[in-house]
PDB file of N, CA and C in Angstrom:
ATOM      1  N   MET A   1     -21.173 -12.422 116.024  1.00  0.00           N
ATOM      2  CA  MET A   1     -19.858 -11.923 115.784  1.00  0.00           C
ATOM      3  C   MET A   1     -19.934 -10.406 115.754  1.00  0.00           C
ATOM      4  N   SER A   2     -18.927  -9.752 116.301  1.00  0.00           N
ATOM      5  CA  SER A   2     -18.881  -8.296 116.247  1.00  0.00           C
ATOM      6  C   SER A   2     -17.709  -7.864 115.379  1.00  0.00           C
ATOM      7  N   LEU A   3     -17.774  -6.649 114.894  1.00  0.00           N
ATOM      8  CA  LEU A   3     -16.720  -6.095 114.063  1.00  0.00           C
ATOM      9  C   LEU A   3     -16.068  -4.965 114.826  1.00  0.00           C
ATOM     10  N   CYS A   4     -14.776  -5.071 115.015  1.00  0.00           N
ATOM     11  CA  CYS A   4     -14.019  -4.043 115.723  1.00  0.00           C
ATOM     12  C   CYS A   4     -13.013  -3.463 114.740  1.00  0.00           C
ATOM     13  N   ILE A   5     -12.989  -2.162 114.609  1.00  0.00           N
ATOM     14  CA  ILE A   5     -12.094  -1.524 113.650  1.00  0.00           C
ATOM     15  C   ILE A   5     -11.163  -0.578 114.396  1.00  0.00           C
ATOM     16  N   GLY A   6      -9.868  -0.761 114.225  1.00  0.00           N
ATOM     17  CA  GLY A   6      -8.866   0.111 114.822  1.00  0.00           C
ATOM     18  C   GLY A   6      -8.168   0.883 113.725  1.00  0.00           C
ATOM     19  N   LEU A   7      -8.079   2.174 113.871  1.00  0.00           N
ATOM     20  CA  LEU A   7      -7.499   3.002 112.830  1.00  0.00           C
ATOM     21  C   LEU A   7      -6.161   3.566 113.254  1.00  0.00           C
ATOM     22  N   PRO A   8      -5.248   3.744 112.309  1.00  0.00           N
ATOM     23  CA  PRO A   8      -4.022   4.444 112.623  1.00  0.00           C
ATOM     24  C   PRO A   8      -4.314   5.927 112.807  1.00  0.00           C
ATOM     25  N   GLY A   9      -3.465   6.618 113.513  1.00  0.00           N
ATOM     26  CA  GLY A   9      -3.647   8.048 113.732  1.00  0.00           C
ATOM     27  C   GLY A   9      -4.251   8.318 115.091  1.00  0.00           C
ATOM     28  N   ALA A  10      -4.309   9.557 115.467  1.00  0.00           N
ATOM     29  CA  ALA A  10      -4.838   9.945 116.765  1.00  0.00           C
ATOM     30  C   ALA A  10      -6.343   9.757 116.803  1.00  0.00           C
ATOM     31  N   ASN A  11      -6.887   9.488 117.987  1.00  0.00           N
ATOM     32  CA  ASN A  11      -8.342   9.390 118.064  1.00  0.00           C
ATOM     33  C   ASN A  11      -8.936  10.739 118.452  1.00  0.00           C
ATOM     34  N   ALA A  12     -10.222  10.869 118.275  1.00  0.00           N
ATOM     35  CA  ALA A  12     -10.887  12.164 118.462  1.00  0.00           C
ATOM     36  C   ALA A  12     -10.731  12.673 119.889  1.00  0.00           C
ATOM     37  N   ALA A  13     -10.821  11.796 120.881  1.00  0.00           N
ATOM     38  CA  ALA A  13     -10.703  12.229 122.277  1.00  0.00           C
ATOM     39  C   ALA A  13      -9.323  12.815 122.534  1.00  0.00           C
ATOM     40  N   ASN A  14      -8.269  12.171 122.038  1.00  0.00           N
ATOM     41  CA  ASN A  14      -6.919  12.688 122.235  1.00  0.00           C
ATOM     42  C   ASN A  14      -6.725  14.016 121.528  1.00  0.00           C
ATOM     43  N   CYS A  15      -7.374  14.217 120.390  1.00  0.00           N
ATOM     44  CA  CYS A  15      -7.254  15.488 119.681  1.00  0.00           C
ATOM     45  C   CYS A  15      -7.780  16.632 120.524  1.00  0.00           C
ATOM     46  N   LYS A  16      -8.912  16.410 121.182  1.00  0.00           N
ATOM     47  CA  LYS A  16      -9.483  17.459 122.032  1.00  0.00           C
ATOM     48  C   LYS A  16      -8.620  17.704 123.258  1.00  0.00           C
ATOM     49  N   ILE A  17      -8.120  16.622 123.851  1.00  0.00           N
ATOM     50  CA  ILE A  17      -7.339  16.745 125.087  1.00  0.00           C
ATOM     51  C   ILE A  17      -5.967  17.347 124.818  1.00  0.00           C
ATOM     52  N   TYR A  18      -5.271  16.834 123.807  1.00  0.00           N
ATOM     53  CA  TYR A  18      -3.883  17.202 123.592  1.00  0.00           C
ATOM     54  C   TYR A  18      -3.679  18.228 122.489  1.00  0.00           C
ATOM     55  N   GLY A  19      -4.722  18.575 121.742  1.00  0.00           N
ATOM     56  CA  GLY A  19      -4.586  19.556 120.675  1.00  0.00           C
ATOM     57  C   GLY A  19      -3.571  19.141 119.632  1.00  0.00           C
ATOM     58  N   CYS A  20      -3.843  18.065 118.923  1.00  0.00           N
ATOM     59  CA  CYS A  20      -2.886  17.446 118.003  1.00  0.00           C
ATOM     60  C   CYS A  20      -2.701  18.199 116.695  1.00  0.00           C
ATOM     61  N   ASN A  21      -3.300  19.334 116.529  1.00  0.00           N
ATOM     62  CA  ASN A  21      -3.204  20.110 115.285  1.00  0.00           C
ATOM     63  C   ASN A  21      -3.716  19.299 114.104  1.00  0.00           C
ATOM     64  N   ASP A  22      -2.953  19.281 112.996  1.00  0.00           N
ATOM     65  CA  ASP A  22      -3.389  18.599 111.774  1.00  0.00           C
ATOM     66  C   ASP A  22      -3.160  17.097 111.813  1.00  0.00           C
ATOM     67  N   ASP A  23      -2.542  16.562 112.878  1.00  0.00           N
ATOM     68  CA  ASP A  23      -2.268  15.135 112.965  1.00  0.00           C
ATOM     69  C   ASP A  23      -3.503  14.332 113.349  1.00  0.00           C
ATOM     70  N   CYS A  24      -4.585  14.999 113.744  1.00  0.00           N
ATOM     71  CA  CYS A  24      -5.786  14.296 114.182  1.00  0.00           C
ATOM     72  C   CYS A  24      -6.555  13.771 112.983  1.00  0.00           C
ATOM     73  N   GLU A  25      -6.859  12.485 113.031  1.00  0.00           N
ATOM     74  CA  GLU A  25      -7.652  11.879 111.975  1.00  0.00           C
ATOM     75  C   GLU A  25      -8.786  11.109 112.630  1.00  0.00           C
ATOM     76  N   PHE A  26      -9.981  11.321 112.134  1.00  0.00           N
ATOM     77  CA  PHE A  26     -11.134  10.583 112.624  1.00  0.00           C
ATOM     78  C   PHE A  26     -12.075  10.384 111.455  1.00  0.00           C
ATOM     79  N   THR A  27     -12.638   9.185 111.355  1.00  0.00           N
ATOM     80  CA  THR A  27     -13.535   8.922 110.244  1.00  0.00           C
ATOM     81  C   THR A  27     -14.715   8.078 110.688  1.00  0.00           C
ATOM     82  N   THR A  28     -15.805   8.247 110.003  1.00  0.00           N
ATOM     83  CA  THR A  28     -16.949   7.353 110.182  1.00  0.00           C
ATOM     84  C   THR A  28     -17.157   6.550 108.908  1.00  0.00           C
ATOM     85  N   ASP A  29     -16.320   6.788 107.893  1.00  0.00           N
ATOM     86  CA  ASP A  29     -16.389   6.089 106.614  1.00  0.00           C
ATOM     87  C   ASP A  29     -15.166   5.185 106.501  1.00  0.00           C
ATOM     88  N   PHE A  30     -15.357   3.881 106.746  1.00  0.00           N
ATOM     89  CA  PHE A  30     -14.226   2.959 106.787  1.00  0.00           C
ATOM     90  C   PHE A  30     -13.908   2.321 105.440  1.00  0.00           C
ATOM     91  N   ARG A  31     -14.731   2.554 104.409  1.00  0.00           N
ATOM     92  CA  ARG A  31     -14.484   2.063 103.050  1.00  0.00           C
ATOM     93  C   ARG A  31     -14.119   0.580 103.026  1.00  0.00           C
ATOM     94  N   LEU A  32     -14.827  -0.227 103.792  1.00  0.00           N
ATOM     95  CA  LEU A  32     -14.530  -1.654 103.868  1.00  0.00           C
ATOM     96  C   LEU A  32     -14.634  -2.350 102.520  1.00  0.00           C
ATOM     97  N   GLU A  33     -15.515  -1.821 101.651  1.00  0.00           N
ATOM     98  CA  GLU A  33     -15.659  -2.434 100.334  1.00  0.00           C
ATOM     99  C   GLU A  33     -14.397  -2.286  99.493  1.00  0.00           C
ATOM    100  N   ASP A  34     -13.550  -1.301  99.817  1.00  0.00           N
ATOM    101  CA  ASP A  34     -12.298  -1.084  99.095  1.00  0.00           C
ATOM    102  C   ASP A  34     -11.130  -1.885  99.665  1.00  0.00           C
ATOM    103  N   CYS A  35     -11.350  -2.544 100.787  1.00  0.00           N
ATOM    104  CA  CYS A  35     -10.248  -3.207 101.487  1.00  0.00           C
ATOM    105  C   CYS A  35      -9.911  -4.568 100.912  1.00  0.00           C
ATOM    106  N   ARG A  36      -8.629  -4.824 100.857  1.00  0.00           N
ATOM    107  CA  ARG A  36      -8.100  -6.163 100.630  1.00  0.00           C
ATOM    108  C   ARG A  36      -7.462  -6.542 101.960  1.00  0.00           C
ATOM    109  N   PHE A  37      -8.120  -7.427 102.697  1.00  0.00           N
ATOM    110  CA  PHE A  37      -7.686  -7.773 104.042  1.00  0.00           C
ATOM    111  C   PHE A  37      -6.582  -8.819 104.021  1.00  0.00           C
ATOM    112  N   GLU A  38      -5.644  -8.686 104.934  1.00  0.00           N
ATOM    113  CA  GLU A  38      -4.569  -9.656 105.103  1.00  0.00           C
ATOM    114  C   GLU A  38      -4.503 -10.073 106.563  1.00  0.00           C
ATOM    115  N   ASP A  39      -3.997 -11.278 106.789  1.00  0.00           N
ATOM    116  CA  ASP A  39      -3.969 -11.825 108.144  1.00  0.00           C
ATOM    117  C   ASP A  39      -2.691 -11.502 108.903  1.00  0.00           C
ATOM    118  N   LYS A  40      -1.871 -10.615 108.358  1.00  0.00           N
ATOM    119  CA  LYS A  40      -0.688 -10.142 109.081  1.00  0.00           C
ATOM    120  C   LYS A  40      -0.369  -8.728 108.650  1.00  0.00           C
ATOM    121  N   GLY A  41       0.256  -7.992 109.544  1.00  0.00           N
ATOM    122  CA  GLY A  41       0.625  -6.618 109.252  1.00  0.00           C
ATOM    123  C   GLY A  41       0.758  -5.814 110.530  1.00  0.00           C
ATOM    124  N   ILE A  42       1.082  -4.548 110.358  1.00  0.00           N
ATOM    125  CA  ILE A  42       1.319  -3.664 111.506  1.00  0.00           C
ATOM    126  C   ILE A  42       0.730  -2.303 111.190  1.00  0.00           C
ATOM    127  N   ASN A  43       0.047  -1.714 112.179  1.00  0.00           N
ATOM    128  CA  ASN A  43      -0.274  -0.295 112.112  1.00  0.00           C
ATOM    129  C   ASN A  43       0.213   0.315 113.426  1.00  0.00           C
ATOM    130  N   PRO A  44       0.150   1.623 113.613  1.00  0.00           N
ATOM    131  CA  PRO A  44       0.738   2.231 114.812  1.00  0.00           C
ATOM    132  C   PRO A  44       0.167   1.740 116.146  1.00  0.00           C
ATOM    133  N   PHE A  45      -0.996   1.091 116.123  1.00  0.00           N
ATOM    134  CA  PHE A  45      -1.623   0.671 117.363  1.00  0.00           C
ATOM    135  C   PHE A  45      -1.811  -0.835 117.482  1.00  0.00           C
ATOM    136  N   PHE A  46      -1.461  -1.582 116.448  1.00  0.00           N
ATOM    137  CA  PHE A  46      -1.779  -3.007 116.454  1.00  0.00           C
ATOM    138  C   PHE A  46      -0.736  -3.777 115.662  1.00  0.00           C
ATOM    139  N   ILE A  47      -0.193  -4.828 116.268  1.00  0.00           N
ATOM    140  CA  ILE A  47       0.773  -5.687 115.598  1.00  0.00           C
ATOM    141  C   ILE A  47       0.115  -7.044 115.396  1.00  0.00           C
ATOM    142  N   LEU A  48      -0.016  -7.438 114.152  1.00  0.00           N
ATOM    143  CA  LEU A  48      -0.659  -8.701 113.808  1.00  0.00           C
ATOM    144  C   LEU A  48       0.374  -9.594 113.121  1.00  0.00           C
ATOM    145  N   LYS A  49       1.342 -10.047 113.923  1.00  0.00           N
ATOM    146  CA  LYS A  49       2.396 -10.937 113.451  1.00  0.00           C
ATOM    147  C   LYS A  49       2.423 -12.148 114.368  1.00  0.00           C
ATOM    148  N   SER A  50       2.419 -13.323 113.780  1.00  0.00           N
ATOM    149  CA  SER A  50       2.434 -14.563 114.546  1.00  0.00           C
ATOM    150  C   SER A  50       3.559 -14.536 115.579  1.00  0.00           C
ATOM    151  N   GLY A  51       3.210 -14.842 116.829  1.00  0.00           N
ATOM    152  CA  GLY A  51       4.185 -14.873 117.911  1.00  0.00           C
ATOM    153  C   GLY A  51       4.250 -13.602 118.735  1.00  0.00           C
ATOM    154  N   TYR A  52       3.703 -12.497 118.213  1.00  0.00           N
ATOM    155  CA  TYR A  52       3.736 -11.243 118.973  1.00  0.00           C
ATOM    156  C   TYR A  52       2.869 -11.370 120.221  1.00  0.00           C
ATOM    157  N   GLN A  53       3.363 -10.847 121.341  1.00  0.00           N
ATOM    158  CA  GLN A  53       2.588 -10.879 122.574  1.00  0.00           C
ATOM    159  C   GLN A  53       2.604  -9.503 123.232  1.00  0.00           C
ATOM    160  N   LEU A  54       1.429  -9.109 123.720  1.00  0.00           N
ATOM    161  CA  LEU A  54       1.261  -7.852 124.442  1.00  0.00           C
ATOM    162  C   LEU A  54       0.726  -8.183 125.826  1.00  0.00           C
ATOM    163  N   VAL A  55       1.377  -7.661 126.861  1.00  0.00           N
ATOM    164  CA  VAL A  55       0.928  -7.881 128.230  1.00  0.00           C
ATOM    165  C   VAL A  55       0.584  -6.520 128.822  1.00  0.00           C
ATOM    166  N   LEU A  56      -0.653  -6.392 129.293  1.00  0.00           N
ATOM    167  CA  LEU A  56      -1.126  -5.173 129.962  1.00  0.00           C
ATOM    168  C   LEU A  56      -1.487  -5.561 131.383  1.00  0.00           C
ATOM    169  N   GLU A  57      -1.016  -4.792 132.359  1.00  0.00           N
ATOM    170  CA  GLU A  57      -1.363  -5.156 133.726  1.00  0.00           C
ATOM    171  C   GLU A  57      -1.417  -3.954 134.659  1.00  0.00           C
ATOM    172  N   SER A  58      -2.252  -4.128 135.674  1.00  0.00           N
ATOM    173  CA  SER A  58      -2.347  -3.185 136.778  1.00  0.00           C
ATOM    174  C   SER A  58      -2.147  -4.007 138.049  1.00  0.00           C
ATOM    175  N   GLU A  59      -2.387  -3.409 139.202  1.00  0.00           N
ATOM    176  CA  GLU A  59      -2.224  -4.157 140.452  1.00  0.00           C
ATOM    177  C   GLU A  59      -3.213  -5.315 140.562  1.00  0.00           C
ATOM    178  N   GLU A  60      -4.441  -5.145 140.024  1.00  0.00           N
ATOM    179  CA  GLU A  60      -5.478  -6.172 140.167  1.00  0.00           C
ATOM    180  C   GLU A  60      -5.686  -7.022 138.918  1.00  0.00           C
ATOM    181  N   GLU A  61      -5.393  -6.469 137.739  1.00  0.00           N
ATOM    182  CA  GLU A  61      -5.742  -7.141 136.493  1.00  0.00           C
ATOM    183  C   GLU A  61      -4.527  -7.310 135.593  1.00  0.00           C
ATOM    184  N   LYS A  62      -4.626  -8.346 134.759  1.00  0.00           N
ATOM    185  CA  LYS A  62      -3.578  -8.592 133.773  1.00  0.00           C
ATOM    186  C   LYS A  62      -4.224  -9.193 132.531  1.00  0.00           C
ATOM    187  N   SER A  63      -3.758  -8.759 131.363  1.00  0.00           N
ATOM    188  CA  SER A  63      -4.248  -9.287 130.095  1.00  0.00           C
ATOM    189  C   SER A  63      -3.041  -9.654 129.241  1.00  0.00           C
ATOM    190  N   GLU A  64      -3.020 -10.892 128.746  1.00  0.00           N
ATOM    191  CA  GLU A  64      -1.973 -11.347 127.844  1.00  0.00           C
ATOM    192  C   GLU A  64      -2.618 -11.619 126.493  1.00  0.00           C
ATOM    193  N   GLU A  65      -2.194 -10.884 125.481  1.00  0.00           N
ATOM    194  CA  GLU A  65      -2.727 -11.052 124.138  1.00  0.00           C
ATOM    195  C   GLU A  65      -1.616 -11.623 123.261  1.00  0.00           C
ATOM    196  N   THR A  66      -1.880 -12.778 122.671  1.00  0.00           N
ATOM    197  CA  THR A  66      -0.879 -13.468 121.863  1.00  0.00           C
ATOM    198  C   THR A  66      -1.430 -13.706 120.464  1.00  0.00           C
ATOM    199  N   VAL A  67      -0.667 -13.280 119.456  1.00  0.00           N
ATOM    200  CA  VAL A  67      -1.040 -13.520 118.061  1.00  0.00           C
ATOM    201  C   VAL A  67      -0.575 -14.937 117.714  1.00  0.00           C
ATOM    202  N   LEU A  68      -1.532 -15.803 117.401  1.00  0.00           N
ATOM    203  CA  LEU A  68      -1.231 -17.199 117.134  1.00  0.00           C
ATOM    204  C   LEU A  68      -0.902 -17.442 115.668  1.00  0.00           C
ATOM    205  N   ARG A  69      -0.392 -18.614 115.362  1.00  0.00           N
ATOM    206  CA  ARG A  69      -0.166 -19.019 113.966  1.00  0.00           C
ATOM    207  C   ARG A  69      -1.479 -19.371 113.291  1.00  0.00           C
ATOM    208  N   ASP A  70      -2.493 -19.690 114.087  1.00  0.00           N
ATOM    209  CA  ASP A  70      -3.788 -20.125 113.569  1.00  0.00           C
ATOM    210  C   ASP A  70      -4.472 -19.019 112.778  1.00  0.00           C
ATOM    211  N   THR A  71      -5.196 -19.422 111.742  1.00  0.00           N
ATOM    212  CA  THR A  71      -6.027 -18.504 110.978  1.00  0.00           C
ATOM    213  C   THR A  71      -7.451 -19.034 110.969  1.00  0.00           C
ATOM    214  N   LYS A  72      -8.388 -18.169 110.620  1.00  0.00           N
ATOM    215  CA  LYS A  72      -9.799 -18.565 110.551  1.00  0.00           C
ATOM    216  C   LYS A  72     -10.426 -17.840 109.372  1.00  0.00           C
ATOM    217  N   LEU A  73     -11.170 -18.573 108.563  1.00  0.00           N
ATOM    218  CA  LEU A  73     -11.921 -17.968 107.466  1.00  0.00           C
ATOM    219  C   LEU A  73     -13.244 -17.453 108.004  1.00  0.00           C
ATOM    220  N   ILE A  74     -13.573 -16.198 107.670  1.00  0.00           N
ATOM    221  CA  ILE A  74     -14.872 -15.646 108.057  1.00  0.00           C
ATOM    222  C   ILE A  74     -15.544 -15.083 106.809  1.00  0.00           C
ATOM    223  N   LYS A  75     -16.860 -15.026 106.853  1.00  0.00           N
ATOM    224  CA  LYS A  75     -17.640 -14.409 105.775  1.00  0.00           C
ATOM    225  C   LYS A  75     -17.950 -12.983 106.196  1.00  0.00           C
ATOM    226  N   PHE A  76     -17.717 -12.043 105.280  1.00  0.00           N
ATOM    227  CA  PHE A  76     -17.976 -10.632 105.556  1.00  0.00           C
ATOM    228  C   PHE A  76     -18.362  -9.947 104.256  1.00  0.00           C
ATOM    229  N   ASP A  77     -19.557  -9.371 104.199  1.00  0.00           N
ATOM    230  CA  ASP A  77     -20.025  -8.681 102.981  1.00  0.00           C
ATOM    231  C   ASP A  77     -19.848  -9.543 101.736  1.00  0.00           C
ATOM    232  N   ASP A  78     -20.309 -10.768 101.781  1.00  0.00           N
ATOM    233  CA  ASP A  78     -20.223 -11.698 100.647  1.00  0.00           C
ATOM    234  C   ASP A  78     -18.784 -12.018 100.239  1.00  0.00           C
ATOM    235  N   ARG A  79     -17.847 -11.779 101.131  1.00  0.00           N
ATOM    236  CA  ARG A  79     -16.447 -12.137 100.872  1.00  0.00           C
ATOM    237  C   ARG A  79     -15.991 -13.127 101.935  1.00  0.00           C
ATOM    238  N   THR A  80     -15.009 -13.918 101.592  1.00  0.00           N
ATOM    239  CA  THR A  80     -14.368 -14.783 102.567  1.00  0.00           C
ATOM    240  C   THR A  80     -13.009 -14.175 102.876  1.00  0.00           C
ATOM    241  N   ILE A  81     -12.759 -13.911 104.163  1.00  0.00           N
ATOM    242  CA  ILE A  81     -11.536 -13.240 104.592  1.00  0.00           C
ATOM    243  C   ILE A  81     -10.748 -14.176 105.494  1.00  0.00           C
ATOM    244  N   ILE A  82      -9.449 -14.273 105.246  1.00  0.00           N
ATOM    245  CA  ILE A  82      -8.578 -15.027 106.142  1.00  0.00           C
ATOM    246  C   ILE A  82      -8.185 -14.089 107.280  1.00  0.00           C
ATOM    247  N   THR A  83      -8.482 -14.495 108.505  1.00  0.00           N
ATOM    248  CA  THR A  83      -8.146 -13.680 109.669  1.00  0.00           C
ATOM    249  C   THR A  83      -7.105 -14.409 110.511  1.00  0.00           C
ATOM    250  N   ARG A  84      -6.405 -13.663 111.327  1.00  0.00           N
ATOM    251  CA  ARG A  84      -5.419 -14.219 112.259  1.00  0.00           C
ATOM    252  C   ARG A  84      -6.089 -14.351 113.621  1.00  0.00           C
ATOM    253  N   VAL A  85      -5.816 -15.441 114.317  1.00  0.00           N
ATOM    254  CA  VAL A  85      -6.390 -15.680 115.638  1.00  0.00           C
ATOM    255  C   VAL A  85      -5.507 -15.022 116.694  1.00  0.00           C
ATOM    256  N   VAL A  86      -6.135 -14.216 117.557  1.00  0.00           N
ATOM    257  CA  VAL A  86      -5.456 -13.585 118.680  1.00  0.00           C
ATOM    258  C   VAL A  86      -6.114 -14.104 119.955  1.00  0.00           C
ATOM    259  N   GLU A  87      -5.305 -14.730 120.797  1.00  0.00           N
ATOM    260  CA  GLU A  87      -5.821 -15.277 122.055  1.00  0.00           C
ATOM    261  C   GLU A  87      -5.551 -14.295 123.185  1.00  0.00           C
ATOM    262  N   GLU A  88      -6.581 -14.034 123.963  1.00  0.00           N
ATOM    263  CA  GLU A  88      -6.453 -13.152 125.121  1.00  0.00           C
ATOM    264  C   GLU A  88      -6.733 -13.951 126.380  1.00  0.00           C
ATOM    265  N   ARG A  89      -5.827 -13.851 127.340  1.00  0.00           N
ATOM    266  CA  ARG A  89      -6.000 -14.470 128.651  1.00  0.00           C
ATOM    267  C   ARG A  89      -6.108 -13.344 129.672  1.00  0.00           C
ATOM    268  N   ALA A  90      -7.224 -13.334 130.390  1.00  0.00           N
ATOM    269  CA  ALA A  90      -7.485 -12.281 131.375  1.00  0.00           C
ATOM    270  C   ALA A  90      -7.355 -12.859 132.776  1.00  0.00           C
ATOM    271  N   TYR A  91      -6.686 -12.112 133.638  1.00  0.00           N
ATOM    272  CA  TYR A  91      -6.461 -12.527 135.024  1.00  0.00           C
ATOM    273  C   TYR A  91      -6.939 -11.434 135.969  1.00  0.00           C
ATOM    274  N   GLU A  92      -7.486 -11.837 137.089  1.00  0.00           N
ATOM    275  CA  GLU A  92      -7.776 -10.927 138.204  1.00  0.00           C
ATOM    276  C   GLU A  92      -7.114 -11.508 139.433  1.00  0.00           C
ATOM    277  N   ASP A  93      -6.303 -10.705 140.106  1.00  0.00           N
ATOM    278  CA  ASP A  93      -5.557 -11.149 141.287  1.00  0.00           C
ATOM    279  C   ASP A  93      -4.827 -12.460 141.011  1.00  0.00           C
ATOM    280  N   ASP A  94      -4.160 -12.542 139.849  1.00  0.00           N
ATOM    281  CA  ASP A  94      -3.375 -13.704 139.412  1.00  0.00           C
ATOM    282  C   ASP A  94      -4.189 -14.971 139.178  1.00  0.00           C
ATOM    283  N   VAL A  95      -5.509 -14.857 139.084  1.00  0.00           N
ATOM    284  CA  VAL A  95      -6.378 -15.997 138.791  1.00  0.00           C
ATOM    285  C   VAL A  95      -6.909 -15.833 137.372  1.00  0.00           C
ATOM    286  N   LEU A  96      -6.721 -16.867 136.543  1.00  0.00           N
ATOM    287  CA  LEU A  96      -7.225 -16.838 135.174  1.00  0.00           C
ATOM    288  C   LEU A  96      -8.745 -16.830 135.195  1.00  0.00           C
ATOM    289  N   ILE A  97      -9.354 -15.787 134.596  1.00  0.00           N
ATOM    290  CA  ILE A  97     -10.820 -15.688 134.611  1.00  0.00           C
ATOM    291  C   ILE A  97     -11.446 -15.835 133.226  1.00  0.00           C
ATOM    292  N   GLU A  98     -10.644 -15.680 132.168  1.00  0.00           N
ATOM    293  CA  GLU A  98     -11.224 -15.772 130.824  1.00  0.00           C
ATOM    294  C   GLU A  98     -10.141 -16.047 129.793  1.00  0.00           C
ATOM    295  N   ILE A  99     -10.480 -16.885 128.841  1.00  0.00           N
ATOM    296  CA  ILE A  99      -9.661 -17.076 127.648  1.00  0.00           C
ATOM    297  C   ILE A  99     -10.572 -16.826 126.459  1.00  0.00           C
ATOM    298  N   SER A 100     -10.165 -15.910 125.589  1.00  0.00           N
ATOM    299  CA  SER A 100     -10.975 -15.650 124.395  1.00  0.00           C
ATOM    300  C   SER A 100     -10.081 -15.713 123.170  1.00  0.00           C
ATOM    301  N   ARG A 101     -10.680 -16.098 122.068  1.00  0.00           N
ATOM    302  CA  ARG A 101      -9.986 -16.106 120.778  1.00  0.00           C
ATOM    303  C   ARG A 101     -10.758 -15.192 119.845  1.00  0.00           C
ATOM    304  N   ASN A 102     -10.054 -14.233 119.298  1.00  0.00           N
ATOM    305  CA  ASN A 102     -10.659 -13.233 118.432  1.00  0.00           C
ATOM    306  C   ASN A 102      -9.958 -13.280 117.082  1.00  0.00           C
ATOM    307  N   TYR A 103     -10.648 -12.805 116.039  1.00  0.00           N
ATOM    308  CA  TYR A 103     -10.143 -12.913 114.678  1.00  0.00           C
ATOM    309  C   TYR A 103      -9.935 -11.519 114.100  1.00  0.00           C
ATOM    310  N   PHE A 104      -8.722 -11.272 113.593  1.00  0.00           N
ATOM    311  CA  PHE A 104      -8.372  -9.946 113.093  1.00  0.00           C
ATOM    312  C   PHE A 104      -7.763 -10.027 111.704  1.00  0.00           C
ATOM    313  N   ALA A 105      -7.952  -8.961 110.944  1.00  0.00           N
ATOM    314  CA  ALA A 105      -7.310  -8.784 109.646  1.00  0.00           C
ATOM    315  C   ALA A 105      -7.043  -7.293 109.458  1.00  0.00           C
ATOM    316  N   ILE A 106      -6.043  -6.975 108.644  1.00  0.00           N
ATOM    317  CA  ILE A 106      -5.679  -5.576 108.395  1.00  0.00           C
ATOM    318  C   ILE A 106      -5.975  -5.234 106.939  1.00  0.00           C
ATOM    319  N   CYS A 107      -6.642  -4.103 106.756  1.00  0.00           N
ATOM    320  CA  CYS A 107      -6.918  -3.587 105.401  1.00  0.00           C
ATOM    321  C   CYS A 107      -5.644  -2.962 104.859  1.00  0.00           C
ATOM    322  N   LYS A 108      -5.173  -3.466 103.731  1.00  0.00           N
ATOM    323  CA  LYS A 108      -3.925  -2.952 103.167  1.00  0.00           C
ATOM    324  C   LYS A 108      -4.064  -1.517 102.649  1.00  0.00           C
ATOM    325  N   LYS A 109      -5.251  -1.123 102.213  1.00  0.00           N
ATOM    326  CA  LYS A 109      -5.448   0.219 101.666  1.00  0.00           C
ATOM    327  C   LYS A 109      -5.477   1.299 102.753  1.00  0.00           C
ATOM    328  N   THR A 110      -6.223   1.042 103.838  1.00  0.00           N
ATOM    329  CA  THR A 110      -6.403   2.063 104.872  1.00  0.00           C
ATOM    330  C   THR A 110      -5.581   1.807 106.127  1.00  0.00           C
ATOM    331  N   ASN A 111      -5.010   0.595 106.266  1.00  0.00           N
ATOM    332  CA  ASN A 111      -4.254   0.201 107.444  1.00  0.00           C
ATOM    333  C   ASN A 111      -5.148   0.036 108.674  1.00  0.00           C
ATOM    334  N   ALA A 112      -6.455  -0.064 108.474  1.00  0.00           N
ATOM    335  CA  ALA A 112      -7.391  -0.292 109.563  1.00  0.00           C
ATOM    336  C   ALA A 112      -7.400  -1.771 109.931  1.00  0.00           C
ATOM    337  N   VAL A 113      -7.655  -2.053 111.195  1.00  0.00           N
ATOM    338  CA  VAL A 113      -7.727  -3.440 111.676  1.00  0.00           C
ATOM    339  C   VAL A 113      -9.181  -3.846 111.789  1.00  0.00           C
TER     340      VAL A 113
END
């Protein structure tokens, strides 16, 4: 299992490119031990609400990400966390090439995913 963390705020690359002034936030300290994770919520870059769907596509590729009603319990740092299942369907040239189910939760304190 891998851990993916998405943070609200601008990322470091965009700060350098666009010169975001004081709006740039970047951290290497995620304070996961302080988090109370929930299986639904919203931050500026991620919507974790049952039924939400995001479709990303180009001429050759398409990705459909759907937040399901399903939840999954995972163990993390001696804690049990309820996560929301997000299903991703990947297509190349309109042919389904992959279906994956990933588990997400949002930290209420930091708004990190």
